[in-house]
Amino acid sequence: MSYVGPDFEPPQPRRPRRGPLTVALAALVPGALLGWLVYETVGGSGDGGGSGQATVRSSSPSASSASGAPTDDAKRPSASPSPKPTASSASAPAPASGPLKGKVVVIDPGHNPENFQHPSEINRKVNIGTNWKECDTTGTSTNDGYTEAKFTLDVAHRMRTLLEEQGATVKLTQDADRPYGPCVDERARIGNEAKADAVVSVHADGSGTGNRGFHVILPGAVHAGAADTRAIVAPSRDLGERVAGRFVAVTGSAPSNYIGDGGGLVTRKDLGGLNLSTVPKVFIECGNMRDSKDAALLTSGAWRQKAAQGISEGIVSFLRG
């Protein structure tokens, strides 16, 4: 997600956070908790740490296709005529049993692929507690035109498959099944109304060339207007640290070299999707679409499977405690 638009203002000044050790430690702890997972090697580009890493499922292209995970050629569903006010119901029923049985996970694929066709709708202002911002933005894209919206939906589909295999009930805030949106306030509301045990909003950044790596955005303590994040700050940090740790371990990607003090974690108070959440929630910027090296990863189906796996393992670790 580019830092231009409703939820993408530059982060506010903050106290120095923990350095690279944060992610390094986070990468180790969840690994011990995931001993029950199957260990496999994941192929594809960007494999800085795939060999021997814990996996939720096989990440080979053939296995993904056979089990329902999207492939490079997967196409998103066409948009329906009118917006839907609740989370997408397109996900298959969760398995009857599994280690995550009874847990609800909401995945928020950043931006809708059709937002660009609805400028007046996505530019209308909504209340995010601390102020008013536009409903949504179109997101960013690689220099070759691969959109953030397409990336986030593909990763969300892969995550849904992985998490449902573990017994979780998974809801998407949108599945390209509405003409635009949802707006940032509705994205938060979907997770709240689902009483989600964890919510992760998936994005990719649109920063300058040479800026590389991922970062996880955590909610700051906000108590203003309709926003009150005080109860979710601590569990959201726990969720974010575990997601960051597993993302490093599975994808081999390094924390951002341009934001987050090298630790891969950033706290913000200007995002409506976090400010209005009443359940543990984080954002993850999986890489910078405007850097050619990061773009090569983000456009690789094999790497997107790793990204989905790393994020999912972080969620699993958080939900299992």
C-alpha atoms as a PDB file:
ATOM      1  CA  MET A   1       0.000   0.000   0.000  1.00  0.00           C
ATOM      2  CA  SER A   2       1.344   3.351  -0.936  1.00  0.00           C
ATOM      3  CA  TYR A   3       1.529   6.054   1.682  1.00  0.00           C
ATOM      4  CA  VAL A   4      -0.680   8.245  -0.485  1.00  0.00           C
ATOM      5  CA  GLY A   5      -4.391   8.044   0.233  1.00  0.00           C
ATOM      6  CA  PRO A   6      -6.813   7.564   3.094  1.00  0.00           C
ATOM      7  CA  ASP A   7      -4.939   5.044   5.203  1.00  0.00           C
ATOM      8  CA  PHE A   8      -1.473   5.810   3.998  1.00  0.00           C
ATOM      9  CA  GLU A   9      -0.210   9.055   5.505  1.00  0.00           C
ATOM     10  CA  PRO A  10       3.417   9.037   6.653  1.00  0.00           C
ATOM     11  CA  PRO A  11       3.711   7.434  10.107  1.00  0.00           C
ATOM     12  CA  GLN A  12       3.765   9.842  13.039  1.00  0.00           C
ATOM     13  CA  PRO A  13       7.022  10.359  14.991  1.00  0.00           C
ATOM     14  CA  ARG A  14       7.542   7.560  17.432  1.00  0.00           C
ATOM     15  CA  ARG A  15       9.963   6.458  20.109  1.00  0.00           C
ATOM     16  CA  PRO A  16      12.728   4.146  18.859  1.00  0.00           C
ATOM     17  CA  ARG A  17      11.486   0.612  18.735  1.00  0.00           C
ATOM     18  CA  ARG A  18      13.320  -2.611  19.188  1.00  0.00           C
ATOM     19  CA  GLY A  19      15.929  -3.329  16.538  1.00  0.00           C
ATOM     20  CA  PRO A  20      16.476  -6.385  14.334  1.00  0.00           C
ATOM     21  CA  LEU A  21      16.586  -8.584  17.455  1.00  0.00           C
ATOM     22  CA  THR A  22      12.801  -8.215  17.665  1.00  0.00           C
ATOM     23  CA  VAL A  23      12.208 -10.155  14.495  1.00  0.00           C
ATOM     24  CA  ALA A  24      15.067 -12.555  15.137  1.00  0.00           C
ATOM     25  CA  LEU A  25      13.584 -13.597  18.483  1.00  0.00           C
ATOM     26  CA  ALA A  26      10.082 -13.689  17.088  1.00  0.00           C
ATOM     27  CA  ALA A  27      11.256 -16.029  14.363  1.00  0.00           C
ATOM     28  CA  LEU A  28      12.572 -18.518  16.942  1.00  0.00           C
ATOM     29  CA  VAL A  29       9.766 -18.609  19.476  1.00  0.00           C
ATOM     30  CA  PRO A  30       6.883 -19.504  17.129  1.00  0.00           C
ATOM     31  CA  GLY A  31       9.030 -22.217  15.586  1.00  0.00           C
ATOM     32  CA  ALA A  32       9.126 -24.045  18.906  1.00  0.00           C
ATOM     33  CA  LEU A  33       5.364 -23.740  19.193  1.00  0.00           C
ATOM     34  CA  LEU A  34       4.765 -25.156  15.732  1.00  0.00           C
ATOM     35  CA  GLY A  35       6.427 -28.534  16.221  1.00  0.00           C
ATOM     36  CA  TRP A  36       3.195 -30.184  15.156  1.00  0.00           C
ATOM     37  CA  LEU A  37       3.435 -28.753  11.657  1.00  0.00           C
ATOM     38  CA  VAL A  38       4.752 -30.646   8.646  1.00  0.00           C
ATOM     39  CA  TYR A  39       8.278 -29.713   7.578  1.00  0.00           C
ATOM     40  CA  GLU A  40       8.828 -29.272   3.864  1.00  0.00           C
ATOM     41  CA  THR A  41      11.026 -27.367   1.467  1.00  0.00           C
ATOM     42  CA  VAL A  42       9.297 -24.595  -0.498  1.00  0.00           C
ATOM     43  CA  GLY A  43      10.585 -23.889  -3.992  1.00  0.00           C
ATOM     44  CA  GLY A  44      10.545 -20.686  -6.034  1.00  0.00           C
ATOM     45  CA  SER A  45      12.257 -17.335  -6.141  1.00  0.00           C
ATOM     46  CA  GLY A  46      13.197 -15.387  -3.014  1.00  0.00           C
ATOM     47  CA  ASP A  47      14.027 -18.603  -1.087  1.00  0.00           C
ATOM     48  CA  GLY A  48      16.321 -17.076   1.499  1.00  0.00           C
ATOM     49  CA  GLY A  49      15.121 -19.317   4.304  1.00  0.00           C
ATOM     50  CA  GLY A  50      12.731 -21.908   2.885  1.00  0.00           C
ATOM     51  CA  SER A  51      14.725 -25.084   3.410  1.00  0.00           C
ATOM     52  CA  GLY A  52      13.791 -26.831   6.616  1.00  0.00           C
ATOM     53  CA  GLN A  53      11.221 -24.259   7.687  1.00  0.00           C
ATOM     54  CA  ALA A  54       7.961 -25.235   9.343  1.00  0.00           C
ATOM     55  CA  THR A  55       5.068 -25.288   6.920  1.00  0.00           C
ATOM     56  CA  VAL A  56       1.352 -25.462   7.297  1.00  0.00           C
ATOM     57  CA  ARG A  57       1.069 -27.336   4.017  1.00  0.00           C
ATOM     58  CA  SER A  58       3.024 -28.127   0.870  1.00  0.00           C
ATOM     59  CA  SER A  59       3.929 -25.014  -1.090  1.00  0.00           C
ATOM     60  CA  SER A  60       4.915 -26.609  -4.374  1.00  0.00           C
ATOM     61  CA  PRO A  61       2.959 -25.272  -7.350  1.00  0.00           C
ATOM     62  CA  SER A  62       1.554 -28.710  -8.153  1.00  0.00           C
ATOM     63  CA  ALA A  63       0.425 -29.378  -4.590  1.00  0.00           C
ATOM     64  CA  SER A  64      -1.120 -25.938  -4.331  1.00  0.00           C
ATOM     65  CA  SER A  65      -3.140 -26.484  -7.461  1.00  0.00           C
ATOM     66  CA  ALA A  66      -4.275 -29.926  -6.361  1.00  0.00           C
ATOM     67  CA  SER A  67      -5.489 -28.734  -2.956  1.00  0.00           C
ATOM     68  CA  GLY A  68      -7.250 -25.617  -4.176  1.00  0.00           C
ATOM     69  CA  ALA A  69      -4.614 -22.924  -3.521  1.00  0.00           C
ATOM     70  CA  PRO A  70      -4.419 -20.368  -6.343  1.00  0.00           C
ATOM     71  CA  THR A  71      -1.809 -20.799  -9.045  1.00  0.00           C
ATOM     72  CA  ASP A  72      -0.125 -18.116 -11.132  1.00  0.00           C
ATOM     73  CA  ASP A  73      -2.933 -18.433 -13.664  1.00  0.00           C
ATOM     74  CA  ALA A  74      -5.746 -18.184 -11.097  1.00  0.00           C
ATOM     75  CA  LYS A  75      -8.270 -15.483 -11.960  1.00  0.00           C
ATOM     76  CA  ARG A  76     -10.230 -13.478  -9.439  1.00  0.00           C
ATOM     77  CA  PRO A  77     -14.038 -13.674  -9.505  1.00  0.00           C
ATOM     78  CA  SER A  78     -15.946 -10.980 -11.365  1.00  0.00           C
ATOM     79  CA  ALA A  79     -17.531  -8.151  -9.396  1.00  0.00           C
ATOM     80  CA  SER A  80     -21.219  -8.274  -8.526  1.00  0.00           C
ATOM     81  CA  PRO A  81     -23.530  -5.329  -9.241  1.00  0.00           C
ATOM     82  CA  SER A  82     -23.744  -3.947  -5.722  1.00  0.00           C
ATOM     83  CA  PRO A  83     -21.681  -3.758  -2.527  1.00  0.00           C
ATOM     84  CA  LYS A  84     -22.247  -6.267   0.232  1.00  0.00           C
ATOM     85  CA  PRO A  85     -22.214  -4.946   3.798  1.00  0.00           C
ATOM     86  CA  THR A  86     -20.660  -7.997   5.412  1.00  0.00           C
ATOM     87  CA  ALA A  87     -17.621 -10.233   4.990  1.00  0.00           C
ATOM     88  CA  SER A  88     -17.382 -12.371   1.901  1.00  0.00           C
ATOM     89  CA  SER A  89     -19.065 -15.756   2.202  1.00  0.00           C
ATOM     90  CA  ALA A  90     -17.103 -17.203  -0.700  1.00  0.00           C
ATOM     91  CA  SER A  91     -14.827 -19.291   1.565  1.00  0.00           C
ATOM     92  CA  ALA A  92     -15.471 -23.016   1.767  1.00  0.00           C
ATOM     93  CA  PRO A  93     -16.802 -24.445   5.074  1.00  0.00           C
ATOM     94  CA  ALA A  94     -14.066 -24.960   7.650  1.00  0.00           C
ATOM     95  CA  PRO A  95     -13.071 -28.543   8.443  1.00  0.00           C
ATOM     96  CA  ALA A  96     -14.970 -30.169  11.306  1.00  0.00           C
ATOM     97  CA  SER A  97     -11.812 -30.624  13.340  1.00  0.00           C
ATOM     98  CA  GLY A  98      -8.249 -29.378  13.599  1.00  0.00           C
ATOM     99  CA  PRO A  99      -5.992 -27.468  15.992  1.00  0.00           C
ATOM    100  CA  LEU A 100      -7.753 -24.191  15.157  1.00  0.00           C
ATOM    101  CA  LYS A 101     -11.304 -25.512  15.472  1.00  0.00           C
ATOM    102  CA  GLY A 102     -13.505 -22.790  16.970  1.00  0.00           C
ATOM    103  CA  LYS A 103     -11.109 -19.989  16.003  1.00  0.00           C
ATOM    104  CA  VAL A 104     -12.196 -17.217  13.644  1.00  0.00           C
ATOM    105  CA  VAL A 105      -9.662 -15.478  11.413  1.00  0.00           C
ATOM    106  CA  VAL A 106     -10.508 -12.483   9.235  1.00  0.00           C
ATOM    107  CA  ILE A 107      -8.217 -11.744   6.293  1.00  0.00           C
ATOM    108  CA  ASP A 108      -8.437  -8.237   4.884  1.00  0.00           C
ATOM    109  CA  PRO A 109      -7.068  -8.109   1.298  1.00  0.00           C
ATOM    110  CA  GLY A 110      -6.033  -4.486   0.916  1.00  0.00           C
ATOM    111  CA  HIS A 111      -7.972  -2.576  -1.778  1.00  0.00           C
ATOM    112  CA  ASN A 112     -10.565  -3.846  -4.220  1.00  0.00           C
ATOM    113  CA  PRO A 113      -9.506  -4.591  -7.824  1.00  0.00           C
ATOM    114  CA  GLU A 114     -12.391  -2.435  -9.094  1.00  0.00           C
ATOM    115  CA  ASN A 115     -11.803   0.614  -6.866  1.00  0.00           C
ATOM    116  CA  PHE A 116     -10.340   2.571  -9.763  1.00  0.00           C
ATOM    117  CA  GLN A 117     -13.708   2.459 -11.524  1.00  0.00           C
ATOM    118  CA  HIS A 118     -15.482   4.109  -8.589  1.00  0.00           C
ATOM    119  CA  PRO A 119     -13.553   7.300  -7.725  1.00  0.00           C
ATOM    120  CA  SER A 120     -16.495   9.171  -6.186  1.00  0.00           C
ATOM    121  CA  GLU A 121     -17.409   6.262  -3.921  1.00  0.00           C
ATOM    122  CA  ILE A 122     -13.909   5.559  -2.645  1.00  0.00           C
ATOM    123  CA  ASN A 123     -13.117   9.261  -2.183  1.00  0.00           C
ATOM    124  CA  ARG A 124     -16.052   9.952   0.150  1.00  0.00           C
ATOM    125  CA  LYS A 125     -14.997  10.591   3.742  1.00  0.00           C
ATOM    126  CA  VAL A 126     -15.606   8.158   6.608  1.00  0.00           C
ATOM    127  CA  ASN A 127     -15.013   8.602  10.323  1.00  0.00           C
ATOM    128  CA  ILE A 128     -11.962   6.714  11.625  1.00  0.00           C
ATOM    129  CA  GLY A 129     -12.334   7.852  15.212  1.00  0.00           C
ATOM    130  CA  THR A 130      -9.534  10.384  15.282  1.00  0.00           C
ATOM    131  CA  ASN A 131     -10.578  12.216  12.089  1.00  0.00           C
ATOM    132  CA  TRP A 132     -12.175  11.710   8.691  1.00  0.00           C
ATOM    133  CA  LYS A 133     -10.523   9.998   5.722  1.00  0.00           C
ATOM    134  CA  GLU A 134     -11.446   8.764   2.285  1.00  0.00           C
ATOM    135  CA  CYS A 135     -13.268   5.451   2.098  1.00  0.00           C
ATOM    136  CA  ASP A 136     -10.384   3.655   0.370  1.00  0.00           C
ATOM    137  CA  THR A 137      -7.733   4.001  -2.344  1.00  0.00           C
ATOM    138  CA  THR A 138      -6.823   2.063  -5.469  1.00  0.00           C
ATOM    139  CA  GLY A 139      -3.555   0.888  -3.935  1.00  0.00           C
ATOM    140  CA  THR A 140      -0.241   0.761  -5.772  1.00  0.00           C
ATOM    141  CA  SER A 141       1.308  -1.472  -8.457  1.00  0.00           C
ATOM    142  CA  THR A 142       4.611  -2.641  -9.850  1.00  0.00           C
ATOM    143  CA  ASN A 143       6.198  -0.650 -12.672  1.00  0.00           C
ATOM    144  CA  ASP A 144       4.910  -3.351 -15.028  1.00  0.00           C
ATOM    145  CA  GLY A 145       1.319  -2.905 -13.859  1.00  0.00           C
ATOM    146  CA  TYR A 146       0.819  -5.825 -11.457  1.00  0.00           C
ATOM    147  CA  THR A 147      -1.577  -4.308  -8.933  1.00  0.00           C
ATOM    148  CA  GLU A 148      -1.487  -4.408  -5.175  1.00  0.00           C
ATOM    149  CA  ALA A 149      -5.170  -5.402  -5.194  1.00  0.00           C
ATOM    150  CA  LYS A 150      -4.411  -8.482  -7.307  1.00  0.00           C
ATOM    151  CA  PHE A 151      -1.465  -9.382  -5.072  1.00  0.00           C
ATOM    152  CA  THR A 152      -3.386  -9.067  -1.809  1.00  0.00           C
ATOM    153  CA  LEU A 153      -6.342 -11.121  -3.030  1.00  0.00           C
ATOM    154  CA  ASP A 154      -4.068 -13.908  -4.260  1.00  0.00           C
ATOM    155  CA  VAL A 155      -2.205 -14.085  -0.944  1.00  0.00           C
ATOM    156  CA  ALA A 156      -5.522 -13.977   0.942  1.00  0.00           C
ATOM    157  CA  HIS A 157      -6.843 -16.966  -1.022  1.00  0.00           C
ATOM    158  CA  ARG A 158      -3.690 -18.944  -0.244  1.00  0.00           C
ATOM    159  CA  MET A 159      -3.910 -18.025   3.441  1.00  0.00           C
ATOM    160  CA  ARG A 160      -7.560 -19.058   3.570  1.00  0.00           C
ATOM    161  CA  THR A 161      -6.686 -22.522   2.240  1.00  0.00           C
ATOM    162  CA  LEU A 162      -3.856 -22.981   4.738  1.00  0.00           C
ATOM    163  CA  LEU A 163      -5.851 -21.820   7.756  1.00  0.00           C
ATOM    164  CA  GLU A 164      -8.992 -23.760   6.890  1.00  0.00           C
ATOM    165  CA  GLU A 165      -6.872 -26.910   6.685  1.00  0.00           C
ATOM    166  CA  GLN A 166      -6.077 -26.312  10.366  1.00  0.00           C
ATOM    167  CA  GLY A 167      -9.775 -26.031  11.277  1.00  0.00           C
ATOM    168  CA  ALA A 168     -10.139 -22.252  11.441  1.00  0.00           C
ATOM    169  CA  THR A 169     -13.224 -20.418  10.239  1.00  0.00           C
ATOM    170  CA  VAL A 170     -11.888 -17.859   7.755  1.00  0.00           C
ATOM    171  CA  LYS A 171     -13.682 -14.761   6.475  1.00  0.00           C
ATOM    172  CA  LEU A 172     -12.472 -12.275   3.866  1.00  0.00           C
ATOM    173  CA  THR A 173     -13.464  -8.616   4.027  1.00  0.00           C
ATOM    174  CA  GLN A 174     -13.796  -8.700   0.232  1.00  0.00           C
ATOM    175  CA  ASP A 175     -13.262 -11.280  -2.458  1.00  0.00           C
ATOM    176  CA  ALA A 176     -13.633  -9.130  -5.584  1.00  0.00           C
ATOM    177  CA  ASP A 177     -17.338  -9.816  -5.052  1.00  0.00           C
ATOM    178  CA  ARG A 178     -18.403  -6.185  -4.808  1.00  0.00           C
ATOM    179  CA  PRO A 179     -17.796  -3.232  -7.141  1.00  0.00           C
ATOM    180  CA  TYR A 180     -15.630  -1.288  -4.684  1.00  0.00           C
ATOM    181  CA  GLY A 181     -14.478  -1.202  -1.083  1.00  0.00           C
ATOM    182  CA  PRO A 182     -15.286  -1.974   1.616  1.00  0.00           C
ATOM    183  CA  CYS A 183     -14.359   1.350   3.162  1.00  0.00           C
ATOM    184  CA  VAL A 184     -11.750   1.336   5.899  1.00  0.00           C
ATOM    185  CA  ASP A 185     -14.360   1.682   8.662  1.00  0.00           C
ATOM    186  CA  GLU A 186     -16.346  -1.276   7.332  1.00  0.00           C
ATOM    187  CA  ARG A 187     -13.183  -3.357   7.056  1.00  0.00           C
ATOM    188  CA  ALA A 188     -12.700  -2.910  10.796  1.00  0.00           C
ATOM    189  CA  ARG A 189     -16.377  -3.544  11.493  1.00  0.00           C
ATOM    190  CA  ILE A 190     -16.308  -6.888   9.629  1.00  0.00           C
ATOM    191  CA  GLY A 191     -13.616  -8.211  11.964  1.00  0.00           C
ATOM    192  CA  ASN A 192     -15.403  -6.847  15.021  1.00  0.00           C
ATOM    193  CA  GLU A 193     -18.767  -8.333  14.101  1.00  0.00           C
ATOM    194  CA  ALA A 194     -17.158 -11.702  13.345  1.00  0.00           C
ATOM    195  CA  LYS A 195     -15.653 -11.609  16.858  1.00  0.00           C
ATOM    196  CA  ALA A 196     -12.415 -12.584  15.159  1.00  0.00           C
ATOM    197  CA  ASP A 197      -9.617 -14.077  17.202  1.00  0.00           C
ATOM    198  CA  ALA A 198      -7.146 -12.464  14.802  1.00  0.00           C
ATOM    199  CA  VAL A 199      -7.325 -10.123  11.800  1.00  0.00           C
ATOM    200  CA  VAL A 200      -4.526  -9.510   9.315  1.00  0.00           C
ATOM    201  CA  SER A 201      -4.727  -6.872   6.592  1.00  0.00           C
ATOM    202  CA  VAL A 202      -2.496  -7.810   3.642  1.00  0.00           C
ATOM    203  CA  HIS A 203      -0.776  -5.078   1.610  1.00  0.00           C
ATOM    204  CA  ALA A 204       2.282  -4.236  -0.493  1.00  0.00           C
ATOM    205  CA  ASP A 205       3.966  -0.852  -0.356  1.00  0.00           C
ATOM    206  CA  GLY A 206       4.598   1.738  -3.061  1.00  0.00           C
ATOM    207  CA  SER A 207       7.822   3.383  -1.894  1.00  0.00           C
ATOM    208  CA  GLY A 208      10.917   4.463  -3.841  1.00  0.00           C
ATOM    209  CA  THR A 209      13.410   2.321  -5.717  1.00  0.00           C
ATOM    210  CA  GLY A 210      15.997   0.795  -3.389  1.00  0.00           C
ATOM    211  CA  ASN A 211      13.540   0.643  -0.493  1.00  0.00           C
ATOM    212  CA  ARG A 212      13.098  -3.045   0.204  1.00  0.00           C
ATOM    213  CA  GLY A 213      11.693  -5.492   2.701  1.00  0.00           C
ATOM    214  CA  PHE A 214       8.509  -6.023   4.693  1.00  0.00           C
ATOM    215  CA  HIS A 215       7.074  -4.419   7.785  1.00  0.00           C
ATOM    216  CA  VAL A 216       4.185  -5.167  10.102  1.00  0.00           C
ATOM    217  CA  ILE A 217       2.036  -2.258  11.291  1.00  0.00           C
ATOM    218  CA  LEU A 218       0.703  -2.401  14.853  1.00  0.00           C
ATOM    219  CA  PRO A 219      -2.103  -0.304  16.367  1.00  0.00           C
ATOM    220  CA  GLY A 220      -1.077   2.435  18.733  1.00  0.00           C
ATOM    221  CA  ALA A 221      -3.078   3.305  21.845  1.00  0.00           C
ATOM    222  CA  VAL A 222      -5.932   5.481  20.566  1.00  0.00           C
ATOM    223  CA  HIS A 223      -8.900   6.693  22.632  1.00  0.00           C
ATOM    224  CA  ALA A 224     -10.805   9.312  20.677  1.00  0.00           C
ATOM    225  CA  GLY A 225     -14.275   9.507  19.199  1.00  0.00           C
ATOM    226  CA  ALA A 226     -15.342   6.060  18.003  1.00  0.00           C
ATOM    227  CA  ALA A 227     -11.818   4.678  18.379  1.00  0.00           C
ATOM    228  CA  ASP A 228     -10.548   2.862  21.456  1.00  0.00           C
ATOM    229  CA  THR A 229      -7.661   0.480  20.805  1.00  0.00           C
ATOM    230  CA  ARG A 230      -6.369   0.277  24.367  1.00  0.00           C
ATOM    231  CA  ALA A 231      -7.563  -3.303  24.892  1.00  0.00           C
ATOM    232  CA  ILE A 232      -6.045  -4.636  21.658  1.00  0.00           C
ATOM    233  CA  VAL A 233      -2.625  -2.981  21.687  1.00  0.00           C
ATOM    234  CA  ALA A 234      -0.869  -5.780  23.615  1.00  0.00           C
ATOM    235  CA  PRO A 235      -2.425  -8.790  21.837  1.00  0.00           C
ATOM    236  CA  SER A 236      -1.967  -7.093  18.476  1.00  0.00           C
ATOM    237  CA  ARG A 237       1.734  -6.628  19.199  1.00  0.00           C
ATOM    238  CA  ASP A 238       1.984 -10.314  20.075  1.00  0.00           C
ATOM    239  CA  LEU A 239       0.244 -11.209  16.812  1.00  0.00           C
ATOM    240  CA  GLY A 240       2.461  -8.823  14.838  1.00  0.00           C
ATOM    241  CA  GLU A 241       5.708 -10.129  16.305  1.00  0.00           C
ATOM    242  CA  ARG A 242       4.757 -13.718  15.527  1.00  0.00           C
ATOM    243  CA  VAL A 243       3.698 -12.853  11.967  1.00  0.00           C
ATOM    244  CA  ALA A 244       6.944 -10.942  11.397  1.00  0.00           C
ATOM    245  CA  GLY A 245       9.030 -13.772  12.812  1.00  0.00           C
ATOM    246  CA  ARG A 246       7.467 -16.460  10.671  1.00  0.00           C
ATOM    247  CA  PHE A 247       7.497 -14.222   7.585  1.00  0.00           C
ATOM    248  CA  VAL A 248      11.274 -13.894   7.922  1.00  0.00           C
ATOM    249  CA  ALA A 249      11.743 -17.612   8.509  1.00  0.00           C
ATOM    250  CA  VAL A 250       9.607 -18.813   5.609  1.00  0.00           C
ATOM    251  CA  THR A 251      10.209 -16.188   2.906  1.00  0.00           C
ATOM    252  CA  GLY A 252      13.797 -15.247   3.757  1.00  0.00           C
ATOM    253  CA  SER A 253      12.835 -11.589   3.311  1.00  0.00           C
ATOM    254  CA  ALA A 254      14.490  -9.004   5.512  1.00  0.00           C
ATOM    255  CA  PRO A 255      12.667  -6.352   7.526  1.00  0.00           C
ATOM    256  CA  SER A 256      12.206  -3.035   5.764  1.00  0.00           C
ATOM    257  CA  ASN A 257      15.351  -0.965   5.227  1.00  0.00           C
ATOM    258  CA  TYR A 258      13.365   2.286   5.069  1.00  0.00           C
ATOM    259  CA  ILE A 259      10.825   2.123   7.894  1.00  0.00           C
ATOM    260  CA  GLY A 260      10.633   0.381  11.244  1.00  0.00           C
ATOM    261  CA  ASP A 261      14.148   0.924  12.622  1.00  0.00           C
ATOM    262  CA  GLY A 262      15.282  -2.368  11.095  1.00  0.00           C
ATOM    263  CA  GLY A 263      12.991  -4.438  13.299  1.00  0.00           C
ATOM    264  CA  GLY A 264      10.117  -4.888  10.865  1.00  0.00           C
ATOM    265  CA  LEU A 265       7.553  -3.442  13.304  1.00  0.00           C
ATOM    266  CA  VAL A 266       5.881  -0.047  13.048  1.00  0.00           C
ATOM    267  CA  THR A 267       3.234   1.479  15.325  1.00  0.00           C
ATOM    268  CA  ARG A 268       0.691   3.857  13.787  1.00  0.00           C
ATOM    269  CA  LYS A 269      -2.369   5.760  14.981  1.00  0.00           C
ATOM    270  CA  ASP A 270      -3.639   7.103  11.650  1.00  0.00           C
ATOM    271  CA  LEU A 271      -5.128   3.960  10.106  1.00  0.00           C
ATOM    272  CA  GLY A 272      -8.886   3.564  10.332  1.00  0.00           C
ATOM    273  CA  GLY A 273      -8.657  -0.204   9.903  1.00  0.00           C
ATOM    274  CA  LEU A 274      -6.664  -0.381  13.144  1.00  0.00           C
ATOM    275  CA  ASN A 275      -8.195   2.521  15.071  1.00  0.00           C
ATOM    276  CA  LEU A 276     -11.716   1.111  14.823  1.00  0.00           C
ATOM    277  CA  SER A 277     -10.807  -2.509  15.514  1.00  0.00           C
ATOM    278  CA  THR A 278     -11.910  -4.084  18.793  1.00  0.00           C
ATOM    279  CA  VAL A 279     -10.123  -7.386  18.090  1.00  0.00           C
ATOM    280  CA  PRO A 280      -6.397  -8.122  17.658  1.00  0.00           C
ATOM    281  CA  LYS A 281      -5.358  -6.816  14.253  1.00  0.00           C
ATOM    282  CA  VAL A 282      -2.219  -5.937  12.284  1.00  0.00           C
ATOM    283  CA  PHE A 283      -1.301  -4.859   8.761  1.00  0.00           C
ATOM    284  CA  ILE A 284       1.584  -6.396   6.835  1.00  0.00           C
ATOM    285  CA  GLU A 285       3.344  -4.674   3.948  1.00  0.00           C
ATOM    286  CA  CYS A 286       4.886  -7.701   2.242  1.00  0.00           C
ATOM    287  CA  GLY A 287       7.385  -5.732   0.147  1.00  0.00           C
ATOM    288  CA  ASN A 288       7.819  -2.667  -2.034  1.00  0.00           C
ATOM    289  CA  MET A 289       6.166  -3.012  -5.437  1.00  0.00           C
ATOM    290  CA  ARG A 290       8.168  -0.107  -6.858  1.00  0.00           C
ATOM    291  CA  ASP A 291      11.541  -1.758  -6.282  1.00  0.00           C
ATOM    292  CA  SER A 292      12.480  -4.160  -9.075  1.00  0.00           C
ATOM    293  CA  LYS A 293      13.961  -6.792  -6.747  1.00  0.00           C
ATOM    294  CA  ASP A 294      10.974  -6.810  -4.410  1.00  0.00           C
ATOM    295  CA  ALA A 295       8.633  -6.717  -7.405  1.00  0.00           C
ATOM    296  CA  ALA A 296      10.240  -9.887  -8.756  1.00  0.00           C
ATOM    297  CA  LEU A 297       9.252 -11.628  -5.531  1.00  0.00           C
ATOM    298  CA  LEU A 298       5.762 -10.176  -5.265  1.00  0.00           C
ATOM    299  CA  THR A 299       4.923 -11.263  -8.820  1.00  0.00           C
ATOM    300  CA  SER A 300       6.147 -14.839  -8.237  1.00  0.00           C
ATOM    301  CA  GLY A 301       3.437 -17.368  -7.423  1.00  0.00           C
ATOM    302  CA  ALA A 302       5.936 -19.536  -5.531  1.00  0.00           C
ATOM    303  CA  TRP A 303       6.979 -16.576  -3.374  1.00  0.00           C
ATOM    304  CA  ARG A 304       3.361 -15.562  -2.739  1.00  0.00           C
ATOM    305  CA  GLN A 305       2.748 -19.073  -1.437  1.00  0.00           C
ATOM    306  CA  LYS A 306       5.651 -18.578   0.974  1.00  0.00           C
ATOM    307  CA  ALA A 307       4.264 -15.196   2.022  1.00  0.00           C
ATOM    308  CA  ALA A 308       0.870 -16.743   2.713  1.00  0.00           C
ATOM    309  CA  GLN A 309       2.511 -19.571   4.616  1.00  0.00           C
ATOM    310  CA  GLY A 310       4.636 -17.256   6.756  1.00  0.00           C
ATOM    311  CA  ILE A 311       1.710 -15.015   7.669  1.00  0.00           C
ATOM    312  CA  SER A 312      -0.499 -18.036   8.368  1.00  0.00           C
ATOM    313  CA  GLU A 313       2.104 -19.661  10.604  1.00  0.00           C
ATOM    314  CA  GLY A 314       2.326 -16.440  12.601  1.00  0.00           C
ATOM    315  CA  ILE A 315      -1.447 -16.465  13.044  1.00  0.00           C
ATOM    316  CA  VAL A 316      -1.407 -20.141  14.044  1.00  0.00           C
ATOM    317  CA  SER A 317       1.311 -19.477  16.617  1.00  0.00           C
ATOM    318  CA  PHE A 318      -0.671 -16.567  18.056  1.00  0.00           C
ATOM    319  CA  LEU A 319      -3.923 -18.518  18.282  1.00  0.00           C
ATOM    320  CA  ARG A 320      -2.267 -21.541  19.908  1.00  0.00           C
ATOM    321  CA  GLY A 321      -0.457 -19.319  22.417  1.00  0.00           C
END
